[in-house]
Amino acid sequence: MIHYSCDRCKRTIDPEVDLRYVVKLETYAAMEPIEVADFEDDRDHLMEVQEILERLEDA
């Protein structure tokens, strides 16, 4: 037997007499698109790491 009740007050709901609701929510991440001009593809990350390591050796 299917039993309906209010999740807040726990009152029993008779589906033949009482009105009941089903609430559905959808959420999405609100992210701004990445600008192609702001994205640096030409960075040489290995070179940057090498420079950091050289500075650490000098210090």
N, C-alpha and C. Protein backbone atom coordinates (compact mmCIF):
# COMPACT_ATOMS: atom_id res chain seq x y z
N MET A 1 0.84 -1.18 0.00
CA MET A 1 0.00 0.00 0.00
C MET A 1 0.88 1.25 0.00
N ILE A 2 0.57 2.19 -0.87
CA ILE A 2 1.32 3.44 -0.93
C ILE A 2 0.79 4.39 0.13
N HIS A 3 1.72 4.99 0.87
CA HIS A 3 1.37 5.90 1.96
C HIS A 3 1.94 7.27 1.64
N TYR A 4 1.10 8.31 1.67
CA TYR A 4 1.53 9.68 1.44
C TYR A 4 1.43 10.46 2.74
N SER A 5 2.47 11.25 3.02
CA SER A 5 2.43 12.11 4.20
C SER A 5 3.25 13.37 3.93
N CYS A 6 2.94 14.41 4.66
CA CYS A 6 3.66 15.67 4.53
C CYS A 6 5.03 15.49 5.17
N ASP A 7 6.09 15.85 4.41
CA ASP A 7 7.45 15.73 4.95
C ASP A 7 7.72 16.72 6.06
N ARG A 8 6.98 17.81 6.11
CA ARG A 8 7.21 18.83 7.13
C ARG A 8 6.46 18.53 8.42
N CYS A 9 5.14 18.32 8.33
CA CYS A 9 4.35 18.15 9.56
C CYS A 9 3.95 16.69 9.80
N LYS A 10 4.27 15.81 8.87
CA LYS A 10 4.00 14.37 8.99
C LYS A 10 2.51 14.01 8.96
N ARG A 11 1.66 14.94 8.53
CA ARG A 11 0.24 14.66 8.42
C ARG A 11 0.00 13.70 7.27
N THR A 12 -0.85 12.70 7.47
CA THR A 12 -1.20 11.75 6.44
C THR A 12 -2.04 12.43 5.35
N ILE A 13 -1.73 12.14 4.09
CA ILE A 13 -2.44 12.73 2.96
C ILE A 13 -3.21 11.61 2.26
N ASP A 14 -4.51 11.82 2.13
CA ASP A 14 -5.36 10.87 1.41
C ASP A 14 -5.34 11.26 -0.06
N PRO A 15 -4.77 10.44 -0.96
CA PRO A 15 -4.64 10.83 -2.37
C PRO A 15 -5.99 10.97 -3.09
N GLU A 16 -7.04 10.41 -2.55
CA GLU A 16 -8.35 10.51 -3.20
C GLU A 16 -9.08 11.80 -2.80
N VAL A 17 -8.68 12.41 -1.68
CA VAL A 17 -9.38 13.59 -1.17
C VAL A 17 -8.47 14.83 -1.17
N ASP A 18 -7.26 14.65 -0.69
CA ASP A 18 -6.34 15.78 -0.51
C ASP A 18 -5.49 16.03 -1.76
N LEU A 19 -5.14 17.28 -1.93
CA LEU A 19 -4.27 17.69 -3.03
C LEU A 19 -2.83 17.55 -2.56
N ARG A 20 -1.98 16.99 -3.38
CA ARG A 20 -0.57 16.87 -3.03
C ARG A 20 0.26 17.35 -4.21
N TYR A 21 1.51 17.72 -3.93
CA TYR A 21 2.39 18.29 -4.94
C TYR A 21 3.69 17.49 -5.01
N VAL A 22 4.28 17.47 -6.18
CA VAL A 22 5.62 16.95 -6.38
C VAL A 22 6.46 18.13 -6.87
N VAL A 23 7.54 18.41 -6.15
CA VAL A 23 8.41 19.54 -6.50
C VAL A 23 9.71 18.97 -7.05
N LYS A 24 10.11 19.44 -8.23
CA LYS A 24 11.36 19.02 -8.85
C LYS A 24 12.22 20.26 -9.08
N LEU A 25 13.47 20.20 -8.66
CA LEU A 25 14.41 21.30 -8.84
C LEU A 25 15.56 20.85 -9.71
N GLU A 26 16.03 21.74 -10.55
CA GLU A 26 17.22 21.48 -11.35
C GLU A 26 18.22 22.58 -11.07
N THR A 27 19.47 22.20 -10.88
CA THR A 27 20.52 23.19 -10.65
C THR A 27 21.64 22.98 -11.66
N TYR A 28 22.24 24.09 -12.07
CA TYR A 28 23.35 24.07 -13.02
C TYR A 28 24.42 25.04 -12.54
N ALA A 29 25.65 24.71 -12.86
CA ALA A 29 26.75 25.62 -12.53
C ALA A 29 26.66 26.84 -13.44
N ALA A 30 26.79 28.00 -12.84
CA ALA A 30 26.74 29.26 -13.60
C ALA A 30 28.17 29.73 -13.81
N MET A 31 28.77 29.26 -14.89
CA MET A 31 30.16 29.62 -15.17
C MET A 31 30.22 30.48 -16.41
N GLU A 32 31.10 31.44 -16.37
CA GLU A 32 31.31 32.29 -17.54
C GLU A 32 32.19 31.53 -18.53
N PRO A 33 31.92 31.66 -19.82
CA PRO A 33 32.76 30.97 -20.81
C PRO A 33 34.18 31.55 -20.82
N ILE A 34 35.14 30.71 -21.12
CA ILE A 34 36.54 31.14 -21.18
C ILE A 34 36.75 31.93 -22.47
N GLU A 35 37.32 33.10 -22.32
CA GLU A 35 37.64 33.92 -23.50
C GLU A 35 38.88 33.35 -24.16
N VAL A 36 38.84 33.19 -25.45
CA VAL A 36 39.97 32.63 -26.18
C VAL A 36 41.19 33.54 -26.06
N ALA A 37 40.98 34.84 -26.03
CA ALA A 37 42.09 35.78 -25.93
C ALA A 37 42.77 35.68 -24.56
N ASP A 38 42.03 35.33 -23.51
CA ASP A 38 42.59 35.25 -22.17
C ASP A 38 43.33 33.94 -21.94
N PHE A 39 43.08 32.95 -22.75
CA PHE A 39 43.68 31.63 -22.58
C PHE A 39 45.02 31.61 -23.29
N GLU A 40 46.08 31.34 -22.54
CA GLU A 40 47.43 31.38 -23.11
C GLU A 40 47.87 29.97 -23.48
N ASP A 41 47.76 29.64 -24.76
CA ASP A 41 48.19 28.32 -25.22
C ASP A 41 49.69 28.26 -25.47
N ASP A 42 50.30 29.41 -25.70
CA ASP A 42 51.70 29.41 -26.11
C ASP A 42 52.67 29.41 -24.92
N ARG A 43 52.18 29.25 -23.69
CA ARG A 43 53.07 29.21 -22.53
C ARG A 43 53.86 27.91 -22.53
N ASP A 44 55.13 27.99 -22.21
CA ASP A 44 55.98 26.82 -22.09
C ASP A 44 56.13 26.53 -20.59
N HIS A 45 55.32 25.63 -20.09
CA HIS A 45 55.31 25.34 -18.66
C HIS A 45 56.61 24.69 -18.20
N LEU A 46 57.21 23.86 -19.04
CA LEU A 46 58.48 23.25 -18.66
C LEU A 46 59.58 24.30 -18.52
N MET A 47 59.55 25.29 -19.38
CA MET A 47 60.54 26.37 -19.30
C MET A 47 60.33 27.18 -18.02
N GLU A 48 59.09 27.42 -17.66
CA GLU A 48 58.78 28.16 -16.42
C GLU A 48 59.28 27.39 -15.20
N VAL A 49 59.07 26.08 -15.18
CA VAL A 49 59.54 25.26 -14.06
C VAL A 49 61.06 25.30 -14.01
N GLN A 50 61.71 25.20 -15.16
CA GLN A 50 63.17 25.25 -15.22
C GLN A 50 63.69 26.58 -14.67
N GLU A 51 63.05 27.68 -15.02
CA GLU A 51 63.48 28.99 -14.51
C GLU A 51 63.31 29.09 -13.01
N ILE A 52 62.21 28.54 -12.48
CA ILE A 52 61.98 28.55 -11.03
C ILE A 52 63.07 27.74 -10.33
N LEU A 53 63.38 26.56 -10.88
CA LEU A 53 64.41 25.73 -10.27
C LEU A 53 65.79 26.41 -10.30
N GLU A 54 66.10 27.10 -11.39
CA GLU A 54 67.36 27.83 -11.48
C GLU A 54 67.43 28.94 -10.45
N ARG A 55 66.33 29.65 -10.24
CA ARG A 55 66.30 30.71 -9.22
C ARG A 55 66.48 30.12 -7.82
N LEU A 56 65.91 28.94 -7.59
CA LEU A 56 66.07 28.30 -6.28
C LEU A 56 67.51 27.87 -6.05
N GLU A 57 68.19 27.40 -7.11
CA GLU A 57 69.59 27.01 -7.00
C GLU A 57 70.47 28.20 -6.69
N ASP A 58 70.14 29.38 -7.27
CA ASP A 58 70.92 30.59 -7.05
C ASP A 58 70.73 31.12 -5.64
N ALA A 59 69.57 30.86 -5.03
CA ALA A 59 69.27 31.41 -3.70
C ALA A 59 69.85 30.62 -2.61
